[in-house]
């Protein structure tokens, strides 16, 4: 399979802190296919509670672009750079994007994100049922008996998803 210059791939952009929604809007207006995954979070103020939409990945926005569009994306105010992996802009697999999108559609989805560098490799597991069925993850530290760490390798991030313990099986 040959790749062409016009082939569009998903990339992660590193943004200024708290600029994710602004950059998403600007890139959309430029005609760039972009995605900023948001999750609804309840915030507590001294006088009230409010549901707000916050970016799932702090300081990241995803774009699906061809090589010709890279310069235009980088010239967008608030974009610091592409996320690099092995000295090249990290290509995000379509399956990873779809997995995150699918999970965010779940009514009671609870997701938190942490850098993969914070974890040591430990017990490998396979998910037996649910949306992530047959996905492989790593339990990296005792954080209760309901957490599984699903690595998003191309981002260097770990998506933490809560599961009932009976959804999991150990991989030898």
C-alpha atoms as a PDB file:
ATOM      1  CA  UNK A   1       0.000   0.000   0.000  1.00  0.00           C
ATOM      2  CA  UNK A   2       1.564   3.284  -1.043  1.00  0.00           C
ATOM      3  CA  UNK A   3       0.949   6.486   0.820  1.00  0.00           C
ATOM      4  CA  UNK A   4       0.339   9.686  -1.053  1.00  0.00           C
ATOM      5  CA  UNK A   5       0.983  13.258  -0.054  1.00  0.00           C
ATOM      6  CA  UNK A   6      -2.781  13.925  -0.170  1.00  0.00           C
ATOM      7  CA  UNK A   7      -3.632  11.087   2.246  1.00  0.00           C
ATOM      8  CA  UNK A   8      -5.224  12.451   5.414  1.00  0.00           C
ATOM      9  CA  UNK A   9      -4.080  11.144   8.791  1.00  0.00           C
ATOM     10  CA  UNK A  10      -4.942  11.993  12.376  1.00  0.00           C
ATOM     11  CA  UNK A  11      -2.361  13.966  14.362  1.00  0.00           C
ATOM     12  CA  UNK A  12      -2.335  15.430  17.846  1.00  0.00           C
ATOM     13  CA  UNK A  13      -1.525  19.107  18.299  1.00  0.00           C
ATOM     14  CA  UNK A  14       0.007  20.474  21.454  1.00  0.00           C
ATOM     15  CA  UNK A  15      -1.724  23.740  22.353  1.00  0.00           C
ATOM     16  CA  UNK A  16      -1.352  26.603  24.764  1.00  0.00           C
ATOM     17  CA  UNK A  17      -3.024  25.739  28.081  1.00  0.00           C
ATOM     18  CA  UNK A  18      -6.806  26.254  28.000  1.00  0.00           C
ATOM     19  CA  UNK A  19      -6.804  27.108  24.265  1.00  0.00           C
ATOM     20  CA  UNK A  20      -8.238  23.794  23.045  1.00  0.00           C
ATOM     21  CA  UNK A  21     -11.776  25.040  22.246  1.00  0.00           C
ATOM     22  CA  UNK A  22     -10.504  28.260  20.605  1.00  0.00           C
ATOM     23  CA  UNK A  23      -8.100  26.345  18.369  1.00  0.00           C
ATOM     24  CA  UNK A  24     -10.828  23.847  17.487  1.00  0.00           C
ATOM     25  CA  UNK A  25     -13.076  26.720  16.308  1.00  0.00           C
ATOM     26  CA  UNK A  26     -10.345  28.468  14.315  1.00  0.00           C
ATOM     27  CA  UNK A  27      -9.259  25.244  12.584  1.00  0.00           C
ATOM     28  CA  UNK A  28     -12.879  24.402  11.743  1.00  0.00           C
ATOM     29  CA  UNK A  29     -13.298  27.845  10.148  1.00  0.00           C
ATOM     30  CA  UNK A  30     -10.146  27.155   8.093  1.00  0.00           C
ATOM     31  CA  UNK A  31     -11.823  23.992   6.772  1.00  0.00           C
ATOM     32  CA  UNK A  32      -9.502  21.648   8.680  1.00  0.00           C
ATOM     33  CA  UNK A  33     -11.060  18.426   9.986  1.00  0.00           C
ATOM     34  CA  UNK A  34     -10.533  18.738  13.719  1.00  0.00           C
ATOM     35  CA  UNK A  35     -11.710  17.122  16.932  1.00  0.00           C
ATOM     36  CA  UNK A  36     -11.488  18.261  20.510  1.00  0.00           C
ATOM     37  CA  UNK A  37     -12.994  15.529  22.705  1.00  0.00           C
ATOM     38  CA  UNK A  38     -15.036  17.081  25.485  1.00  0.00           C
ATOM     39  CA  UNK A  39     -16.567  15.581  28.593  1.00  0.00           C
ATOM     40  CA  UNK A  40     -19.205  17.006  30.865  1.00  0.00           C
ATOM     41  CA  UNK A  41     -17.895  17.732  34.368  1.00  0.00           C
ATOM     42  CA  UNK A  42     -19.754  19.087  37.371  1.00  0.00           C
ATOM     43  CA  UNK A  43     -17.904  22.073  38.856  1.00  0.00           C
ATOM     44  CA  UNK A  44     -18.563  23.469  42.320  1.00  0.00           C
ATOM     45  CA  UNK A  45     -18.381  27.189  42.976  1.00  0.00           C
ATOM     46  CA  UNK A  46     -19.016  28.795  46.337  1.00  0.00           C
ATOM     47  CA  UNK A  47     -22.583  29.725  45.352  1.00  0.00           C
ATOM     48  CA  UNK A  48     -23.585  27.051  42.816  1.00  0.00           C
ATOM     49  CA  UNK A  49     -22.833  23.870  40.901  1.00  0.00           C
ATOM     50  CA  UNK A  50     -22.622  23.872  37.145  1.00  0.00           C
ATOM     51  CA  UNK A  51     -22.078  21.263  34.410  1.00  0.00           C
ATOM     52  CA  UNK A  52     -19.298  22.402  32.057  1.00  0.00           C
ATOM     53  CA  UNK A  53     -17.681  20.816  29.023  1.00  0.00           C
ATOM     54  CA  UNK A  54     -13.934  20.410  29.428  1.00  0.00           C
ATOM     55  CA  UNK A  55     -11.394  18.974  27.013  1.00  0.00           C
ATOM     56  CA  UNK A  56     -10.649  15.329  27.765  1.00  0.00           C
ATOM     57  CA  UNK A  57      -6.979  15.792  26.839  1.00  0.00           C
ATOM     58  CA  UNK A  58      -5.577  18.983  28.345  1.00  0.00           C
ATOM     59  CA  UNK A  59      -3.565  20.999  25.780  1.00  0.00           C
ATOM     60  CA  UNK A  60      -4.362  18.598  22.903  1.00  0.00           C
ATOM     61  CA  UNK A  61      -6.501  18.959  19.790  1.00  0.00           C
ATOM     62  CA  UNK A  62      -6.687  16.334  17.049  1.00  0.00           C
ATOM     63  CA  UNK A  63      -6.587  17.126  13.332  1.00  0.00           C
ATOM     64  CA  UNK A  64      -7.050  14.933  10.278  1.00  0.00           C
ATOM     65  CA  UNK A  65      -4.889  16.497   7.608  1.00  0.00           C
ATOM     66  CA  UNK A  66      -2.722  15.889   4.570  1.00  0.00           C
ATOM     67  CA  UNK A  67       0.935  16.909   4.409  1.00  0.00           C
ATOM     68  CA  UNK A  68       0.015  20.131   2.553  1.00  0.00           C
ATOM     69  CA  UNK A  69      -2.161  21.316   5.450  1.00  0.00           C
ATOM     70  CA  UNK A  70       0.528  20.973   8.137  1.00  0.00           C
ATOM     71  CA  UNK A  71       1.950  24.485   7.765  1.00  0.00           C
ATOM     72  CA  UNK A  72      -1.506  26.090   7.878  1.00  0.00           C
ATOM     73  CA  UNK A  73      -2.269  24.180  11.088  1.00  0.00           C
ATOM     74  CA  UNK A  74       1.042  25.175  12.698  1.00  0.00           C
ATOM     75  CA  UNK A  75       0.433  28.836  11.836  1.00  0.00           C
ATOM     76  CA  UNK A  76      -2.799  28.828  13.866  1.00  0.00           C
ATOM     77  CA  UNK A  77      -2.604  31.079  16.919  1.00  0.00           C
ATOM     78  CA  UNK A  78      -2.345  28.965  20.074  1.00  0.00           C
ATOM     79  CA  UNK A  79      -0.937  25.856  18.360  1.00  0.00           C
ATOM     80  CA  UNK A  80       2.509  25.155  19.805  1.00  0.00           C
ATOM     81  CA  UNK A  81       3.481  22.113  17.719  1.00  0.00           C
ATOM     82  CA  UNK A  82       2.528  18.631  16.661  1.00  0.00           C
ATOM     83  CA  UNK A  83       2.984  15.917  19.263  1.00  0.00           C
ATOM     84  CA  UNK A  84       6.098  14.013  18.223  1.00  0.00           C
ATOM     85  CA  UNK A  85       6.889  10.322  18.538  1.00  0.00           C
ATOM     86  CA  UNK A  86      10.255   8.952  17.378  1.00  0.00           C
ATOM     87  CA  UNK A  87      11.239  12.372  15.948  1.00  0.00           C
ATOM     88  CA  UNK A  88       8.159  12.590  13.684  1.00  0.00           C
ATOM     89  CA  UNK A  89       4.667  14.010  14.192  1.00  0.00           C
ATOM     90  CA  UNK A  90       2.747  11.187  15.886  1.00  0.00           C
ATOM     91  CA  UNK A  91       0.140   9.616  13.609  1.00  0.00           C
ATOM     92  CA  UNK A  92      -2.927   8.622  15.623  1.00  0.00           C
ATOM     93  CA  UNK A  93      -4.603   5.442  14.409  1.00  0.00           C
ATOM     94  CA  UNK A  94      -8.200   5.803  13.231  1.00  0.00           C
ATOM     95  CA  UNK A  95      -9.172   2.970  15.645  1.00  0.00           C
ATOM     96  CA  UNK A  96      -7.890   4.979  18.625  1.00  0.00           C
ATOM     97  CA  UNK A  97      -9.924   8.029  17.597  1.00  0.00           C
ATOM     98  CA  UNK A  98     -13.039   5.879  17.086  1.00  0.00           C
ATOM     99  CA  UNK A  99     -12.534   4.112  20.430  1.00  0.00           C
ATOM    100  CA  UNK A 100     -12.433   7.434  22.301  1.00  0.00           C
ATOM    101  CA  UNK A 101     -15.448   8.761  20.370  1.00  0.00           C
ATOM    102  CA  UNK A 102     -17.429   5.575  21.125  1.00  0.00           C
ATOM    103  CA  UNK A 103     -16.613   5.671  24.797  1.00  0.00           C
ATOM    104  CA  UNK A 104     -17.561   9.351  25.097  1.00  0.00           C
ATOM    105  CA  UNK A 105     -21.016   8.451  23.717  1.00  0.00           C
ATOM    106  CA  UNK A 106     -21.624   6.158  26.709  1.00  0.00           C
ATOM    107  CA  UNK A 107     -24.051   7.857  29.063  1.00  0.00           C
ATOM    108  CA  UNK A 108     -22.123   7.308  32.295  1.00  0.00           C
ATOM    109  CA  UNK A 109     -18.596   7.408  30.882  1.00  0.00           C
ATOM    110  CA  UNK A 110     -15.960   8.281  33.465  1.00  0.00           C
ATOM    111  CA  UNK A 111     -12.582   8.990  31.915  1.00  0.00           C
ATOM    112  CA  UNK A 112      -9.466  10.588  33.303  1.00  0.00           C
ATOM    113  CA  UNK A 113      -6.186  10.996  31.455  1.00  0.00           C
ATOM    114  CA  UNK A 114      -2.653  10.685  32.776  1.00  0.00           C
ATOM    115  CA  UNK A 115       0.730  10.654  31.072  1.00  0.00           C
ATOM    116  CA  UNK A 116       2.019   7.164  30.287  1.00  0.00           C
ATOM    117  CA  UNK A 117       5.368   8.107  31.817  1.00  0.00           C
ATOM    118  CA  UNK A 118       3.727   8.042  35.262  1.00  0.00           C
ATOM    119  CA  UNK A 119       3.175   4.262  35.068  1.00  0.00           C
ATOM    120  CA  UNK A 120       5.337   1.158  35.312  1.00  0.00           C
ATOM    121  CA  UNK A 121       4.378  -1.974  33.399  1.00  0.00           C
ATOM    122  CA  UNK A 122       2.641  -4.549  35.559  1.00  0.00           C
ATOM    123  CA  UNK A 123      -0.265  -6.939  35.044  1.00  0.00           C
ATOM    124  CA  UNK A 124      -1.685  -7.279  31.517  1.00  0.00           C
ATOM    125  CA  UNK A 125      -5.437  -7.834  31.233  1.00  0.00           C
ATOM    126  CA  UNK A 126      -8.032  -8.374  28.536  1.00  0.00           C
ATOM    127  CA  UNK A 127     -11.521  -6.912  28.745  1.00  0.00           C
ATOM    128  CA  UNK A 128     -14.170  -9.646  28.422  1.00  0.00           C
ATOM    129  CA  UNK A 129     -17.317  -7.600  27.799  1.00  0.00           C
ATOM    130  CA  UNK A 130     -18.684  -4.144  27.089  1.00  0.00           C
ATOM    131  CA  UNK A 131     -17.605  -1.488  24.598  1.00  0.00           C
ATOM    132  CA  UNK A 132     -13.897  -2.270  25.013  1.00  0.00           C
ATOM    133  CA  UNK A 133     -14.377  -6.043  24.665  1.00  0.00           C
ATOM    134  CA  UNK A 134     -11.171  -7.809  23.555  1.00  0.00           C
ATOM    135  CA  UNK A 135      -9.060  -4.700  24.232  1.00  0.00           C
ATOM    136  CA  UNK A 136      -5.861  -5.295  26.159  1.00  0.00           C
ATOM    137  CA  UNK A 137      -4.871  -3.053  29.050  1.00  0.00           C
ATOM    138  CA  UNK A 138      -2.453  -2.812  31.911  1.00  0.00           C
ATOM    139  CA  UNK A 139      -3.216  -2.590  35.607  1.00  0.00           C
ATOM    140  CA  UNK A 140      -0.324  -0.484  36.773  1.00  0.00           C
ATOM    141  CA  UNK A 141      -0.878   0.193  40.454  1.00  0.00           C
ATOM    142  CA  UNK A 142      -3.357  -0.707  43.167  1.00  0.00           C
ATOM    143  CA  UNK A 143      -6.073   1.894  42.722  1.00  0.00           C
ATOM    144  CA  UNK A 144      -8.991  -0.237  43.791  1.00  0.00           C
ATOM    145  CA  UNK A 145     -10.248  -3.287  41.971  1.00  0.00           C
ATOM    146  CA  UNK A 146     -12.175  -1.457  39.248  1.00  0.00           C
ATOM    147  CA  UNK A 147      -9.574   0.417  37.192  1.00  0.00           C
ATOM    148  CA  UNK A 148      -7.944  -0.631  33.953  1.00  0.00           C
ATOM    149  CA  UNK A 149      -5.348   1.373  32.079  1.00  0.00           C
ATOM    150  CA  UNK A 150      -5.766   1.288  28.294  1.00  0.00           C
ATOM    151  CA  UNK A 151      -2.633   2.621  26.630  1.00  0.00           C
ATOM    152  CA  UNK A 152      -2.915   5.014  23.701  1.00  0.00           C
ATOM    153  CA  UNK A 153       0.649   4.398  22.587  1.00  0.00           C
ATOM    154  CA  UNK A 154       0.912   6.914  19.782  1.00  0.00           C
ATOM    155  CA  UNK A 155      -0.040   9.718  22.181  1.00  0.00           C
ATOM    156  CA  UNK A 156       2.078   8.595  25.100  1.00  0.00           C
ATOM    157  CA  UNK A 157      -1.091   8.866  27.176  1.00  0.00           C
ATOM    158  CA  UNK A 158      -3.042   6.390  29.258  1.00  0.00           C
ATOM    159  CA  UNK A 159      -6.831   6.397  29.300  1.00  0.00           C
ATOM    160  CA  UNK A 160      -8.159   5.241  32.665  1.00  0.00           C
ATOM    161  CA  UNK A 161     -11.530   3.539  32.386  1.00  0.00           C
ATOM    162  CA  UNK A 162     -13.460   2.081  35.306  1.00  0.00           C
ATOM    163  CA  UNK A 163     -14.804  -1.465  34.898  1.00  0.00           C
ATOM    164  CA  UNK A 164     -16.403  -4.016  37.191  1.00  0.00           C
ATOM    165  CA  UNK A 165     -13.695  -6.535  38.078  1.00  0.00           C
ATOM    166  CA  UNK A 166     -15.658  -9.377  36.488  1.00  0.00           C
ATOM    167  CA  UNK A 167     -15.222  -7.718  33.043  1.00  0.00           C
ATOM    168  CA  UNK A 168     -11.488  -8.489  33.219  1.00  0.00           C
ATOM    169  CA  UNK A 169      -9.325 -11.536  32.722  1.00  0.00           C
ATOM    170  CA  UNK A 170      -5.584 -11.899  33.236  1.00  0.00           C
ATOM    171  CA  UNK A 171      -3.354 -12.495  30.225  1.00  0.00           C
ATOM    172  CA  UNK A 172      -0.616 -15.039  30.823  1.00  0.00           C
END
